[in-house]
Every structure is written in C-alpha cells, then in structure tokens.
PDB file of N, CA and C in Angstrom:
ATOM      1  N   MET A   1     115.193  20.027 257.903  1.00  0.00           N
ATOM      2  CA  MET A   1     114.944  20.588 259.203  1.00  0.00           C
ATOM      3  C   MET A   1     113.564  20.155 259.692  1.00  0.00           C
ATOM      4  N   THR A   2     113.538  19.673 260.900  1.00  0.00           N
ATOM      5  CA  THR A   2     112.268  19.236 261.470  1.00  0.00           C
ATOM      6  C   THR A   2     111.656  20.364 262.292  1.00  0.00           C
ATOM      7  N   TYR A   3     110.430  20.159 262.668  1.00  0.00           N
ATOM      8  CA  TYR A   3     109.726  21.148 263.488  1.00  0.00           C
ATOM      9  C   TYR A   3     110.440  21.345 264.824  1.00  0.00           C
ATOM     10  N   GLU A   4     110.927  20.266 265.404  1.00  0.00           N
ATOM     11  CA  GLU A   4     111.589  20.364 266.702  1.00  0.00           C
ATOM     12  C   GLU A   4     112.858  21.204 266.610  1.00  0.00           C
ATOM     13  N   THR A   5     113.588  21.071 265.515  1.00  0.00           N
ATOM     14  CA  THR A   5     114.812  21.848 265.332  1.00  0.00           C
ATOM     15  C   THR A   5     114.481  23.332 265.183  1.00  0.00           C
ATOM     16  N   VAL A   6     113.502  23.642 264.360  1.00  0.00           N
ATOM     17  CA  VAL A   6     113.103  25.036 264.164  1.00  0.00           C
ATOM     18  C   VAL A   6     112.572  25.628 265.465  1.00  0.00           C
ATOM     19  N   ALA A   7     111.785  24.860 266.202  1.00  0.00           N
ATOM     20  CA  ALA A   7     111.244  25.348 267.465  1.00  0.00           C
ATOM     21  C   ALA A   7     112.356  25.604 268.475  1.00  0.00           C
ATOM     22  N   ALA A   8     113.323  24.713 268.550  1.00  0.00           N
ATOM     23  CA  ALA A   8     114.432  24.890 269.497  1.00  0.00           C
ATOM     24  C   ALA A   8     115.268  26.111 269.132  1.00  0.00           C
ATOM     25  N   ILE A   9     115.545  26.310 267.856  1.00  0.00           N
ATOM     26  CA  ILE A   9     116.343  27.463 267.426  1.00  0.00           C
ATOM     27  C   ILE A   9     115.584  28.759 267.698  1.00  0.00           C
ATOM     28  N   SER A  10     114.297  28.795 267.383  1.00  0.00           N
ATOM     29  CA  SER A  10     113.533  30.019 267.603  1.00  0.00           C
ATOM     30  C   SER A  10     113.366  30.317 269.088  1.00  0.00           C
ATOM     31  N   GLN A  11     113.182  29.299 269.906  1.00  0.00           N
ATOM     32  CA  GLN A  11     113.069  29.524 271.348  1.00  0.00           C
ATOM     33  C   GLN A  11     114.376  30.050 271.924  1.00  0.00           C
ATOM     34  N   SER A  12     115.484  29.527 271.464  1.00  0.00           N
ATOM     35  CA  SER A  12     116.789  30.012 271.927  1.00  0.00           C
ATOM     36  C   SER A  12     117.029  31.445 271.478  1.00  0.00           C
ATOM     37  N   ALA A  13     116.666  31.750 270.239  1.00  0.00           N
ATOM     38  CA  ALA A  13     116.860  33.109 269.720  1.00  0.00           C
ATOM     39  C   ALA A  13     116.003  34.108 270.484  1.00  0.00           C
ATOM     40  N   VAL A  14     114.767  33.761 270.771  1.00  0.00           N
ATOM     41  CA  VAL A  14     113.887  34.665 271.514  1.00  0.00           C
ATOM     42  C   VAL A  14     114.387  34.845 272.943  1.00  0.00           C
ATOM     43  N   LEU A  15     114.871  33.783 273.562  1.00  0.00           N
ATOM     44  CA  LEU A  15     115.424  33.891 274.914  1.00  0.00           C
ATOM     45  C   LEU A  15     116.614  34.840 274.936  1.00  0.00           C
ATOM     46  N   ILE A  16     117.507  34.716 273.970  1.00  0.00           N
ATOM     47  CA  ILE A  16     118.669  35.608 273.896  1.00  0.00           C
ATOM     48  C   ILE A  16     118.218  37.040 273.653  1.00  0.00           C
ATOM     49  N   PHE A  17     117.226  37.227 272.784  1.00  0.00           N
ATOM     50  CA  PHE A  17     116.700  38.566 272.528  1.00  0.00           C
ATOM     51  C   PHE A  17     116.141  39.191 273.802  1.00  0.00           C
ATOM     52  N   TYR A  18     115.354  38.463 274.552  1.00  0.00           N
ATOM     53  CA  TYR A  18     114.772  39.002 275.788  1.00  0.00           C
ATOM     54  C   TYR A  18     115.837  39.304 276.828  1.00  0.00           C
ATOM     55  N   ILE A  19     116.850  38.477 276.923  1.00  0.00           N
ATOM     56  CA  ILE A  19     117.932  38.742 277.873  1.00  0.00           C
ATOM     57  C   ILE A  19     118.665  40.015 277.487  1.00  0.00           C
ATOM     58  N   LEU A  20     118.963  40.186 276.187  1.00  0.00           N
ATOM     59  CA  LEU A  20     119.647  41.397 275.733  1.00  0.00           C
ATOM     60  C   LEU A  20     118.770  42.632 275.923  1.00  0.00           C
ATOM     61  N   PHE A  21     117.471  42.496 275.682  1.00  0.00           N
ATOM     62  CA  PHE A  21     116.555  43.613 275.890  1.00  0.00           C
ATOM     63  C   PHE A  21     116.500  43.991 277.369  1.00  0.00           C
ATOM     64  N   PHE A  22     116.456  43.008 278.248  1.00  0.00           N
ATOM     65  CA  PHE A  22     116.430  43.266 279.690  1.00  0.00           C
ATOM     66  C   PHE A  22     117.708  43.973 280.134  1.00  0.00           C
ATOM     67  N   ILE A  23     118.839  43.541 279.619  1.00  0.00           N
ATOM     68  CA  ILE A  23     120.110  44.185 279.960  1.00  0.00           C
ATOM     69  C   ILE A  23     120.124  45.623 279.456  1.00  0.00           C
ATOM     70  N   ALA A  24     119.595  45.858 278.245  1.00  0.00           N
ATOM     71  CA  ALA A  24     119.537  47.217 277.702  1.00  0.00           C
ATOM     72  C   ALA A  24     118.652  48.118 278.562  1.00  0.00           C
ATOM     73  N   VAL A  25     117.540  47.601 279.046  1.00  0.00           N
ATOM     74  CA  VAL A  25     116.665  48.384 279.917  1.00  0.00           C
ATOM     75  C   VAL A  25     117.374  48.693 281.230  1.00  0.00           C
ATOM     76  N   LEU A  26     118.074  47.735 281.795  1.00  0.00           N
ATOM     77  CA  LEU A  26     118.810  47.987 283.034  1.00  0.00           C
ATOM     78  C   LEU A  26     119.897  49.031 282.840  1.00  0.00           C
ATOM     79  N   VAL A  27     120.600  48.969 281.721  1.00  0.00           N
ATOM     80  CA  VAL A  27     121.641  49.966 281.444  1.00  0.00           C
ATOM     81  C   VAL A  27     121.010  51.348 281.327  1.00  0.00           C
ATOM     82  N   TYR A  28     119.877  51.442 280.638  1.00  0.00           N
ATOM     83  CA  TYR A  28     119.193  52.732 280.491  1.00  0.00           C
ATOM     84  C   TYR A  28     118.733  53.277 281.842  1.00  0.00           C
ATOM     85  N   VAL A  29     118.175  52.418 282.659  1.00  0.00           N
ATOM     86  CA  VAL A  29     117.638  52.861 283.947  1.00  0.00           C
ATOM     87  C   VAL A  29     118.752  53.319 284.885  1.00  0.00           C
ATOM     88  N   PHE A  30     119.841  52.610 284.920  1.00  0.00           N
ATOM     89  CA  PHE A  30     120.901  52.932 285.874  1.00  0.00           C
ATOM     90  C   PHE A  30     122.007  53.796 285.279  1.00  0.00           C
ATOM     91  N   TRP A  31     121.823  54.318 284.061  1.00  0.00           N
ATOM     92  CA  TRP A  31     122.807  55.214 283.472  1.00  0.00           C
ATOM     93  C   TRP A  31     122.820  56.514 284.273  1.00  0.00           C
ATOM     94  N   PRO A  32     123.998  56.992 284.685  1.00  0.00           N
ATOM     95  CA  PRO A  32     124.052  58.173 285.564  1.00  0.00           C
ATOM     96  C   PRO A  32     123.392  59.422 284.970  1.00  0.00           C
ATOM     97  N   GLY A  33     123.413  59.583 283.680  1.00  0.00           N
ATOM     98  CA  GLY A  33     122.834  60.773 283.061  1.00  0.00           C
ATOM     99  C   GLY A  33     121.321  60.817 283.130  1.00  0.00           C
ATOM    100  N   ASN A  34     120.674  59.712 283.399  1.00  0.00           N
ATOM    101  CA  ASN A  34     119.216  59.671 283.456  1.00  0.00           C
ATOM    102  C   ASN A  34     118.662  59.918 284.853  1.00  0.00           C
ATOM    103  N   LYS A  35     119.534  60.107 285.826  1.00  0.00           N
ATOM    104  CA  LYS A  35     119.070  60.262 287.206  1.00  0.00           C
ATOM    105  C   LYS A  35     118.178  61.489 287.367  1.00  0.00           C
ATOM    106  N   THR A  36     118.586  62.626 286.807  1.00  0.00           N
ATOM    107  CA  THR A  36     117.792  63.834 286.963  1.00  0.00           C
ATOM    108  C   THR A  36     116.441  63.696 286.269  1.00  0.00           C
ATOM    109  N   ARG A  37     116.399  63.020 285.129  1.00  0.00           N
ATOM    110  CA  ARG A  37     115.135  62.810 284.425  1.00  0.00           C
ATOM    111  C   ARG A  37     114.176  61.977 285.267  1.00  0.00           C
ATOM    112  N   PHE A  38     114.690  60.914 285.887  1.00  0.00           N
ATOM    113  CA  PHE A  38     113.839  60.064 286.708  1.00  0.00           C
ATOM    114  C   PHE A  38     113.431  60.763 288.006  1.00  0.00           C
ATOM    115  N   GLU A  39     114.322  61.554 288.579  1.00  0.00           N
ATOM    116  CA  GLU A  39     113.975  62.318 289.774  1.00  0.00           C
ATOM    117  C   GLU A  39     112.848  63.306 289.475  1.00  0.00           C
ATOM    118  N   ARG A  40     112.967  64.012 288.353  1.00  0.00           N
ATOM    119  CA  ARG A  40     111.949  64.982 287.967  1.00  0.00           C
ATOM    120  C   ARG A  40     110.611  64.287 287.699  1.00  0.00           C
ATOM    121  N   ALA A  41     110.658  63.134 287.033  1.00  0.00           N
ATOM    122  CA  ALA A  41     109.424  62.394 286.748  1.00  0.00           C
ATOM    123  C   ALA A  41     108.778  61.882 288.024  1.00  0.00           C
ATOM    124  N   SER A  42     109.591  61.425 288.976  1.00  0.00           N
ATOM    125  CA  SER A  42     109.009  60.915 290.217  1.00  0.00           C
ATOM    126  C   SER A  42     108.393  62.043 291.038  1.00  0.00           C
ATOM    127  N   ARG A  43     109.037  63.200 291.035  1.00  0.00           N
ATOM    128  CA  ARG A  43     108.482  64.326 291.784  1.00  0.00           C
ATOM    129  C   ARG A  43     107.189  64.828 291.158  1.00  0.00           C
ATOM    130  N   SER A  44     107.121  64.861 289.835  1.00  0.00           N
ATOM    131  CA  SER A  44     105.894  65.348 289.206  1.00  0.00           C
ATOM    132  C   SER A  44     104.771  64.320 289.350  1.00  0.00           C
ATOM    133  N   ALA A  45     105.107  63.048 289.368  1.00  0.00           N
ATOM    134  CA  ALA A  45     104.083  62.010 289.510  1.00  0.00           C
ATOM    135  C   ALA A  45     103.511  62.011 290.931  1.00  0.00           C
ATOM    136  N   LEU A  46     104.358  62.259 291.910  1.00  0.00           N
ATOM    137  CA  LEU A  46     103.914  62.255 293.298  1.00  0.00           C
ATOM    138  C   LEU A  46     103.516  63.637 293.793  1.00  0.00           C
ATOM    139  N   ASP A  47     103.806  64.673 293.014  1.00  0.00           N
ATOM    140  CA  ASP A  47     103.512  66.051 293.358  1.00  0.00           C
ATOM    141  C   ASP A  47     104.134  66.431 294.691  1.00  0.00           C
ATOM    142  N   LEU A  48     105.417  66.151 294.827  1.00  0.00           N
ATOM    143  CA  LEU A  48     106.105  66.471 296.066  1.00  0.00           C
ATOM    144  C   LEU A  48     106.391  67.964 296.191  1.00  0.00           C
ATOM    145  N   ASP A  49     106.420  68.674 295.090  1.00  0.00           N
ATOM    146  CA  ASP A  49     106.703  70.100 295.136  1.00  0.00           C
ATOM    147  C   ASP A  49     105.455  70.919 295.436  1.00  0.00           C
ATOM    148  N   GLY A  50     104.276  70.341 295.246  1.00  0.00           N
ATOM    149  CA  GLY A  50     103.040  71.055 295.484  1.00  0.00           C
ATOM    150  C   GLY A  50     102.674  72.024 294.384  1.00  0.00           C
ATOM    151  N   SER A  51     103.341  71.953 293.245  1.00  0.00           N
ATOM    152  CA  SER A  51     103.086  72.905 292.176  1.00  0.00           C
ATOM    153  C   SER A  51     101.882  72.530 291.329  1.00  0.00           C
ATOM    154  N   ALA A  52     101.545  71.254 291.243  1.00  0.00           N
ATOM    155  CA  ALA A  52     100.403  70.834 290.432  1.00  0.00           C
ATOM    156  C   ALA A  52      99.127  70.923 291.251  1.00  0.00           C
ATOM    157  N   LYS A  53      98.030  71.219 290.574  1.00  0.00           N
ATOM    158  CA  LYS A  53      96.740  71.320 291.232  1.00  0.00           C
ATOM    159  C   LYS A  53      96.023  69.992 291.196  1.00  0.00           C
ATOM    160  N   ASP A  54      95.199  69.747 292.184  1.00  0.00           N
ATOM    161  CA  ASP A  54      94.379  68.545 292.218  1.00  0.00           C
ATOM    162  C   ASP A  54      93.345  68.624 291.101  1.00  0.00           C
ATOM    163  N   PRO A  55      93.227  67.609 290.248  1.00  0.00           N
ATOM    164  CA  PRO A  55      92.273  67.679 289.138  1.00  0.00           C
ATOM    165  C   PRO A  55      90.840  67.852 289.600  1.00  0.00           C
ATOM    166  N   GLY A  56      90.472  67.399 290.792  1.00  0.00           N
ATOM    167  CA  GLY A  56      89.113  67.529 291.275  1.00  0.00           C
ATOM    168  C   GLY A  56      88.844  68.832 291.997  1.00  0.00           C
ATOM    169  N   ASP A  57      89.867  69.638 292.182  1.00  0.00           N
ATOM    170  CA  ASP A  57      89.719  70.879 292.933  1.00  0.00           C
ATOM    171  C   ASP A  57      89.304  72.006 291.987  1.00  0.00           C
ATOM    172  N   ASP A  58      88.113  72.563 292.170  1.00  0.00           N
ATOM    173  CA  ASP A  58      87.609  73.617 291.305  1.00  0.00           C
ATOM    174  C   ASP A  58      87.902  75.005 291.839  1.00  0.00           C
ATOM    175  N   ASN A  59      88.347  75.109 293.077  1.00  0.00           N
ATOM    176  CA  ASN A  59      88.664  76.418 293.653  1.00  0.00           C
ATOM    177  C   ASN A  59      90.004  76.882 293.125  1.00  0.00           C
ATOM    178  N   LYS A  60      89.977  78.049 292.487  1.00  0.00           N
ATOM    179  CA  LYS A  60      91.227  78.548 291.881  1.00  0.00           C
ATOM    180  C   LYS A  60      91.759  79.721 292.646  1.00  0.00           C
TER     181      LYS A  60
END
C-alpha cells in the first residue's frame, strides 16, 4: 500500500463519516418530538416571556 492509496481511502472514509454525521444532525433537528424543546430553548434565549431578569439590573 502506498501513501496515495492510504490517503485516498482515509479521505473517502472521513467524507462519508461527515456526511452521515450531518444527516444525523438534520434528523435530530427536524424530528417532530424535539420541536417543544427547541421552542422552549428559543424563548428562554430571547426572553420572549419576560420571566428572566436582566443580569445588569440591580433593582429587585
């Protein structure tokens, strides 16, 4: 086995791995059961409910 053969095989294997990983991430993101989790995370990150306090606000 030459260096070129090993390099070609490893590059192909890594490419396939990244494609499969990307597909797995897409399946996880668009899985219907995760919608409520992502909605809750987006609301808490943006503070759309107004329940979180501003970290710089000292008035309680």
